[in-house]
Amino acid sequence: MGCNPNRHHVRAEQVSFLGEHMSRWTRGLEIATNIAVLAMCCLVGTLVIRSHFFPRNPLSSKGPTLGSQVNLPQAQWSGANQTIVLAINTECHFCSESAPFYQKLSKAALDKHDRVIAVLPQTISVAKEYLDAKQVAVDTVIQAPLNSVGVSATPTLILVDSMGRVTATWIGKLSENQQKDLLSQL
C-alpha cells in the first residue's frame, strides 16, 4: 500500500473547486445583503423625512361635518356672530408652529366681537399655561377629548355660528392661502 500521488492531487483540486464555489457564493450573499441594507435605509429615511418635515394631508383626516352641532356644553354660542374653536394639543408640533397665526386670528376675531374657544385634551391649567407661553389669547379654555367635537387630527380649526353649528373647518398646519381664507370669513 503505497502512497498514490495522483489521489492527493484530485482531492486538492476538489478542495480548490469547492473553495472557489463557496467564495463566489459568499460574495453573492454579501452583495445581496448590502443591497437589502441599503434598501431598508432608504425606506426608513424616507418615512422619517415624510413624517417629520411634511404635515399630514388635510384631506386624510376628517373634521366635524358642516352643519353639525358642536358638542361642547360649556360653550356659549349665542352672544357672538361666530366662534372659532381651536382644537389643539400641547404635544402637537404643528399646533406650536401655528401659534403666530393663532395670535393673529385671535386678535382679528376679538376685534370683530367673535369668540375664540380653545379645546385641548390636557387639563385646563396645562392648557392655559401652553396658550400663555404661545401668547394666544382666547375667551374660554375647555378640557375635552378632541373626538368629542369630531376632531381626529390636530390642529383643527372650526368656525361655528351663533347656534353652535359648524360652518367651516380647517385641518392641519394651514398654508398662507388657507390662513387668508379663514381670516376673510370672520
C-alpha atoms as a PDB file:
ATOM      1  CA  MET A   1       0.000   0.000   0.000  1.00  0.00           C
ATOM      2  CA  GLY A   2       1.926   2.842  -1.171  1.00  0.00           C
ATOM      3  CA  CYS A   3       1.065   6.464  -1.482  1.00  0.00           C
ATOM      4  CA  ASN A   4      -0.649   7.393  -4.739  1.00  0.00           C
ATOM      5  CA  PRO A   5       0.386  10.938  -5.643  1.00  0.00           C
ATOM      6  CA  ASN A   6      -2.497  11.248  -8.130  1.00  0.00           C
ATOM      7  CA  ARG A   7      -5.064  10.637  -5.393  1.00  0.00           C
ATOM      8  CA  HIS A   8      -3.898  13.656  -3.352  1.00  0.00           C
ATOM      9  CA  HIS A   9      -3.815  15.763  -6.456  1.00  0.00           C
ATOM     10  CA  VAL A  10      -7.518  15.026  -7.106  1.00  0.00           C
ATOM     11  CA  ARG A  11      -8.515  15.968  -3.572  1.00  0.00           C
ATOM     12  CA  ALA A  12      -6.557  19.222  -3.753  1.00  0.00           C
ATOM     13  CA  GLU A  13      -8.383  20.107  -6.968  1.00  0.00           C
ATOM     14  CA  GLN A  14     -11.747  19.273  -5.347  1.00  0.00           C
ATOM     15  CA  VAL A  15     -10.971  21.459  -2.328  1.00  0.00           C
ATOM     16  CA  SER A  16      -9.809  24.266  -4.613  1.00  0.00           C
ATOM     17  CA  PHE A  17     -13.012  23.960  -6.675  1.00  0.00           C
ATOM     18  CA  LEU A  18     -15.207  23.984  -3.532  1.00  0.00           C
ATOM     19  CA  GLY A  19     -13.305  26.957  -2.145  1.00  0.00           C
ATOM     20  CA  GLU A  20     -13.833  28.966  -5.332  1.00  0.00           C
ATOM     21  CA  HIS A  21     -17.504  27.939  -5.439  1.00  0.00           C
ATOM     22  CA  MET A  22     -18.033  28.935  -1.771  1.00  0.00           C
ATOM     23  CA  SER A  23     -16.124  32.163  -2.344  1.00  0.00           C
ATOM     24  CA  ARG A  24     -18.470  33.105  -5.227  1.00  0.00           C
ATOM     25  CA  TRP A  25     -21.499  32.142  -3.167  1.00  0.00           C
ATOM     26  CA  THR A  26     -20.402  34.210  -0.132  1.00  0.00           C
ATOM     27  CA  ARG A  27     -19.596  37.190  -2.390  1.00  0.00           C
ATOM     28  CA  GLY A  28     -23.081  36.961  -3.889  1.00  0.00           C
ATOM     29  CA  LEU A  29     -24.636  36.711  -0.424  1.00  0.00           C
ATOM     30  CA  GLU A  30     -22.639  39.699   0.771  1.00  0.00           C
ATOM     31  CA  ILE A  31     -23.745  41.801  -2.221  1.00  0.00           C
ATOM     32  CA  ALA A  32     -27.398  40.786  -1.719  1.00  0.00           C
ATOM     33  CA  THR A  33     -27.165  41.665   1.991  1.00  0.00           C
ATOM     34  CA  ASN A  34     -25.643  45.077   1.215  1.00  0.00           C
ATOM     35  CA  ILE A  35     -28.406  45.813  -1.277  1.00  0.00           C
ATOM     36  CA  ALA A  36     -31.078  44.802   1.274  1.00  0.00           C
ATOM     37  CA  VAL A  37     -29.490  47.012   3.959  1.00  0.00           C
ATOM     38  CA  LEU A  38     -29.320  49.989   1.564  1.00  0.00           C
ATOM     39  CA  ALA A  39     -32.964  49.494   0.556  1.00  0.00           C
ATOM     40  CA  MET A  40     -34.062  49.408   4.201  1.00  0.00           C
ATOM     41  CA  CYS A  41     -32.038  52.547   4.992  1.00  0.00           C
ATOM     42  CA  CYS A  42     -33.682  54.356   2.081  1.00  0.00           C
ATOM     43  CA  LEU A  43     -37.145  53.238   3.210  1.00  0.00           C
ATOM     44  CA  VAL A  44     -36.612  54.255   6.840  1.00  0.00           C
ATOM     45  CA  GLY A  45     -35.061  57.571   5.789  1.00  0.00           C
ATOM     46  CA  THR A  46     -37.989  58.341   3.511  1.00  0.00           C
ATOM     47  CA  LEU A  47     -40.519  57.559   6.258  1.00  0.00           C
ATOM     48  CA  VAL A  48     -38.674  59.713   8.802  1.00  0.00           C
ATOM     49  CA  ILE A  49     -38.425  62.653   6.399  1.00  0.00           C
ATOM     50  CA  ARG A  50     -42.092  62.369   5.364  1.00  0.00           C
ATOM     51  CA  SER A  51     -43.406  62.163   8.921  1.00  0.00           C
ATOM     52  CA  HIS A  52     -41.179  64.894  10.338  1.00  0.00           C
ATOM     53  CA  PHE A  53     -40.983  67.512   7.595  1.00  0.00           C
ATOM     54  CA  PHE A  54     -44.288  67.191   5.766  1.00  0.00           C
ATOM     55  CA  PRO A  55     -47.602  67.718   7.541  1.00  0.00           C
ATOM     56  CA  ARG A  56     -50.321  65.154   7.140  1.00  0.00           C
ATOM     57  CA  ASN A  57     -52.530  65.573   4.148  1.00  0.00           C
ATOM     58  CA  PRO A  58     -55.504  67.579   5.471  1.00  0.00           C
ATOM     59  CA  LEU A  59     -57.808  65.542   3.247  1.00  0.00           C
ATOM     60  CA  SER A  60     -56.798  62.330   5.004  1.00  0.00           C
ATOM     61  CA  SER A  61     -58.411  63.448   8.267  1.00  0.00           C
ATOM     62  CA  LYS A  62     -61.996  64.474   8.552  1.00  0.00           C
ATOM     63  CA  GLY A  63     -63.162  67.188  10.871  1.00  0.00           C
ATOM     64  CA  PRO A  64     -66.661  67.877  12.080  1.00  0.00           C
ATOM     65  CA  THR A  65     -69.351  67.729   9.400  1.00  0.00           C
ATOM     66  CA  LEU A  66     -70.537  71.066   8.038  1.00  0.00           C
ATOM     67  CA  GLY A  67     -73.890  71.967   9.574  1.00  0.00           C
ATOM     68  CA  SER A  68     -73.459  69.598  12.523  1.00  0.00           C
ATOM     69  CA  GLN A  69     -73.911  70.773  16.106  1.00  0.00           C
ATOM     70  CA  VAL A  70     -70.675  71.099  18.092  1.00  0.00           C
ATOM     71  CA  ASN A  71     -70.868  69.046  21.268  1.00  0.00           C
ATOM     72  CA  LEU A  72     -69.421  71.442  23.861  1.00  0.00           C
ATOM     73  CA  PRO A  73     -71.988  72.008  26.629  1.00  0.00           C
ATOM     74  CA  GLN A  74     -69.669  74.528  28.348  1.00  0.00           C
ATOM     75  CA  ALA A  75     -69.533  76.777  25.262  1.00  0.00           C
ATOM     76  CA  GLN A  76     -71.732  79.852  24.898  1.00  0.00           C
ATOM     77  CA  TRP A  77     -72.540  80.134  21.211  1.00  0.00           C
ATOM     78  CA  SER A  78     -75.063  82.971  21.427  1.00  0.00           C
ATOM     79  CA  GLY A  79     -73.793  86.465  22.065  1.00  0.00           C
ATOM     80  CA  ALA A  80     -71.296  86.318  19.212  1.00  0.00           C
ATOM     81  CA  ASN A  81     -71.860  86.115  15.478  1.00  0.00           C
ATOM     82  CA  GLN A  82     -69.274  83.375  15.207  1.00  0.00           C
ATOM     83  CA  THR A  83     -66.959  81.373  17.396  1.00  0.00           C
ATOM     84  CA  ILE A  84     -63.622  79.927  16.388  1.00  0.00           C
ATOM     85  CA  VAL A  85     -62.851  76.640  18.091  1.00  0.00           C
ATOM     86  CA  LEU A  86     -59.134  75.856  18.226  1.00  0.00           C
ATOM     87  CA  ALA A  87     -58.890  72.087  18.720  1.00  0.00           C
ATOM     88  CA  ILE A  88     -55.231  71.714  19.600  1.00  0.00           C
ATOM     89  CA  ASN A  89     -52.866  69.631  21.692  1.00  0.00           C
ATOM     90  CA  THR A  90     -49.860  70.805  23.690  1.00  0.00           C
ATOM     91  CA  GLU A  91     -47.847  67.878  22.274  1.00  0.00           C
ATOM     92  CA  CYS A  92     -48.614  68.694  18.619  1.00  0.00           C
ATOM     93  CA  HIS A  93     -45.684  70.376  16.865  1.00  0.00           C
ATOM     94  CA  PHE A  94     -47.977  71.677  14.073  1.00  0.00           C
ATOM     95  CA  CYS A  95     -50.070  73.397  16.772  1.00  0.00           C
ATOM     96  CA  SER A  96     -46.962  75.029  18.238  1.00  0.00           C
ATOM     97  CA  GLU A  97     -45.681  76.030  14.792  1.00  0.00           C
ATOM     98  CA  SER A  98     -49.090  77.615  14.066  1.00  0.00           C
ATOM     99  CA  ALA A  99     -49.076  79.796  17.218  1.00  0.00           C
ATOM    100  CA  PRO A 100     -48.101  83.028  15.381  1.00  0.00           C
ATOM    101  CA  PHE A 101     -51.135  82.599  13.117  1.00  0.00           C
ATOM    102  CA  TYR A 102     -53.372  81.820  16.128  1.00  0.00           C
ATOM    103  CA  GLN A 103     -52.207  85.095  17.694  1.00  0.00           C
ATOM    104  CA  LYS A 104     -53.264  86.978  14.563  1.00  0.00           C
ATOM    105  CA  LEU A 105     -56.519  85.012  14.275  1.00  0.00           C
ATOM    106  CA  SER A 106     -57.435  85.620  17.898  1.00  0.00           C
ATOM    107  CA  LYS A 107     -56.838  89.364  17.576  1.00  0.00           C
ATOM    108  CA  ALA A 108     -58.915  89.553  14.368  1.00  0.00           C
ATOM    109  CA  ALA A 109     -61.769  87.580  15.945  1.00  0.00           C
ATOM    110  CA  LEU A 110     -61.806  89.648  19.113  1.00  0.00           C
ATOM    111  CA  ASP A 111     -61.742  92.881  17.034  1.00  0.00           C
ATOM    112  CA  LYS A 112     -64.909  91.674  15.254  1.00  0.00           C
ATOM    113  CA  HIS A 113     -66.561  90.602  18.533  1.00  0.00           C
ATOM    114  CA  ASP A 114     -66.318  86.928  17.651  1.00  0.00           C
ATOM    115  CA  ARG A 115     -65.323  84.404  20.277  1.00  0.00           C
ATOM    116  CA  VAL A 116     -62.290  82.114  20.395  1.00  0.00           C
ATOM    117  CA  ILE A 117     -62.501  78.866  22.335  1.00  0.00           C
ATOM    118  CA  ALA A 118     -59.540  76.552  22.797  1.00  0.00           C
ATOM    119  CA  VAL A 119     -60.319  72.863  23.263  1.00  0.00           C
ATOM    120  CA  LEU A 120     -57.476  70.655  24.440  1.00  0.00           C
ATOM    121  CA  PRO A 121     -57.280  67.150  25.904  1.00  0.00           C
ATOM    122  CA  GLN A 122     -54.882  68.359  28.615  1.00  0.00           C
ATOM    123  CA  THR A 123     -56.020  69.805  31.934  1.00  0.00           C
ATOM    124  CA  ILE A 124     -57.196  73.409  31.922  1.00  0.00           C
ATOM    125  CA  SER A 125     -54.157  74.577  33.914  1.00  0.00           C
ATOM    126  CA  VAL A 126     -51.729  72.901  31.476  1.00  0.00           C
ATOM    127  CA  ALA A 127     -53.722  74.228  28.503  1.00  0.00           C
ATOM    128  CA  LYS A 128     -53.743  77.811  29.848  1.00  0.00           C
ATOM    129  CA  GLU A 129     -50.017  77.640  30.560  1.00  0.00           C
ATOM    130  CA  TYR A 130     -49.401  76.431  26.986  1.00  0.00           C
ATOM    131  CA  LEU A 131     -51.587  79.162  25.443  1.00  0.00           C
ATOM    132  CA  ASP A 132     -49.962  81.843  27.618  1.00  0.00           C
ATOM    133  CA  ALA A 133     -46.488  80.658  26.612  1.00  0.00           C
ATOM    134  CA  LYS A 134     -47.541  80.832  22.939  1.00  0.00           C
ATOM    135  CA  GLN A 135     -49.225  84.237  23.559  1.00  0.00           C
ATOM    136  CA  VAL A 136     -52.537  83.034  22.112  1.00  0.00           C
ATOM    137  CA  ALA A 137     -55.475  84.912  23.661  1.00  0.00           C
ATOM    138  CA  VAL A 138     -58.760  83.033  23.905  1.00  0.00           C
ATOM    139  CA  ASP A 139     -62.101  83.716  25.593  1.00  0.00           C
ATOM    140  CA  THR A 140     -62.516  80.223  27.016  1.00  0.00           C
ATOM    141  CA  VAL A 141     -60.386  77.127  27.546  1.00  0.00           C
ATOM    142  CA  ILE A 142     -62.218  73.796  27.634  1.00  0.00           C
ATOM    143  CA  GLN A 143     -60.703  70.447  28.528  1.00  0.00           C
ATOM    144  CA  ALA A 144     -62.364  67.715  26.470  1.00  0.00           C
ATOM    145  CA  PRO A 145     -61.417  64.701  24.378  1.00  0.00           C
ATOM    146  CA  LEU A 146     -60.923  66.024  20.861  1.00  0.00           C
ATOM    147  CA  ASN A 147     -63.026  63.259  19.328  1.00  0.00           C
ATOM    148  CA  SER A 148     -65.999  64.573  21.345  1.00  0.00           C
ATOM    149  CA  VAL A 149     -66.055  67.567  18.979  1.00  0.00           C
ATOM    150  CA  GLY A 150     -65.484  65.459  15.873  1.00  0.00           C
ATOM    151  CA  VAL A 151     -61.741  66.090  15.663  1.00  0.00           C
ATOM    152  CA  SER A 152     -59.356  63.301  14.685  1.00  0.00           C
ATOM    153  CA  ALA A 153     -56.220  65.359  13.950  1.00  0.00           C
ATOM    154  CA  THR A 154     -54.626  68.464  15.377  1.00  0.00           C
ATOM    155  CA  PRO A 155     -54.660  71.262  14.804  1.00  0.00           C
ATOM    156  CA  THR A 156     -58.263  71.612  13.661  1.00  0.00           C
ATOM    157  CA  LEU A 157     -59.973  74.982  13.498  1.00  0.00           C
ATOM    158  CA  ILE A 158     -63.751  75.039  13.470  1.00  0.00           C
ATOM    159  CA  LEU A 159     -65.864  78.063  12.612  1.00  0.00           C
ATOM    160  CA  VAL A 160     -69.184  77.872  14.461  1.00  0.00           C
ATOM    161  CA  ASP A 161     -72.291  80.064  14.081  1.00  0.00           C
ATOM    162  CA  SER A 162     -74.337  81.561  16.933  1.00  0.00           C
ATOM    163  CA  MET A 163     -76.456  78.384  17.100  1.00  0.00           C
ATOM    164  CA  GLY A 164     -73.435  76.107  17.600  1.00  0.00           C
ATOM    165  CA  ARG A 165     -73.413  74.698  14.060  1.00  0.00           C
ATOM    166  CA  VAL A 166     -70.214  74.112  12.077  1.00  0.00           C
ATOM    167  CA  THR A 167     -69.877  76.497   9.131  1.00  0.00           C
ATOM    168  CA  ALA A 168     -66.262  75.686   8.126  1.00  0.00           C
ATOM    169  CA  THR A 169     -63.274  73.604   9.203  1.00  0.00           C
ATOM    170  CA  TRP A 170     -59.554  73.677   8.558  1.00  0.00           C
ATOM    171  CA  ILE A 171     -57.326  70.735   9.462  1.00  0.00           C
ATOM    172  CA  GLY A 172     -53.572  70.701   9.910  1.00  0.00           C
ATOM    173  CA  LYS A 173     -50.989  73.437   9.680  1.00  0.00           C
ATOM    174  CA  LEU A 174     -52.549  75.993   7.351  1.00  0.00           C
ATOM    175  CA  SER A 175     -50.913  77.367   4.235  1.00  0.00           C
ATOM    176  CA  GLU A 176     -50.819  81.111   3.714  1.00  0.00           C
ATOM    177  CA  ASN A 177     -53.835  80.885   1.376  1.00  0.00           C
ATOM    178  CA  GLN A 178     -55.807  78.854   3.937  1.00  0.00           C
ATOM    179  CA  GLN A 179     -54.955  81.422   6.613  1.00  0.00           C
ATOM    180  CA  LYS A 180     -56.236  84.224   4.382  1.00  0.00           C
ATOM    181  CA  ASP A 181     -59.401  82.216   3.665  1.00  0.00           C
ATOM    182  CA  LEU A 182     -60.101  81.747   7.363  1.00  0.00           C
ATOM    183  CA  LEU A 183     -59.454  85.404   8.198  1.00  0.00           C
ATOM    184  CA  SER A 184     -61.751  86.502   5.361  1.00  0.00           C
ATOM    185  CA  GLN A 185     -64.620  84.518   6.874  1.00  0.00           C
ATOM    186  CA  LEU A 186     -64.575  86.477  10.133  1.00  0.00           C
END
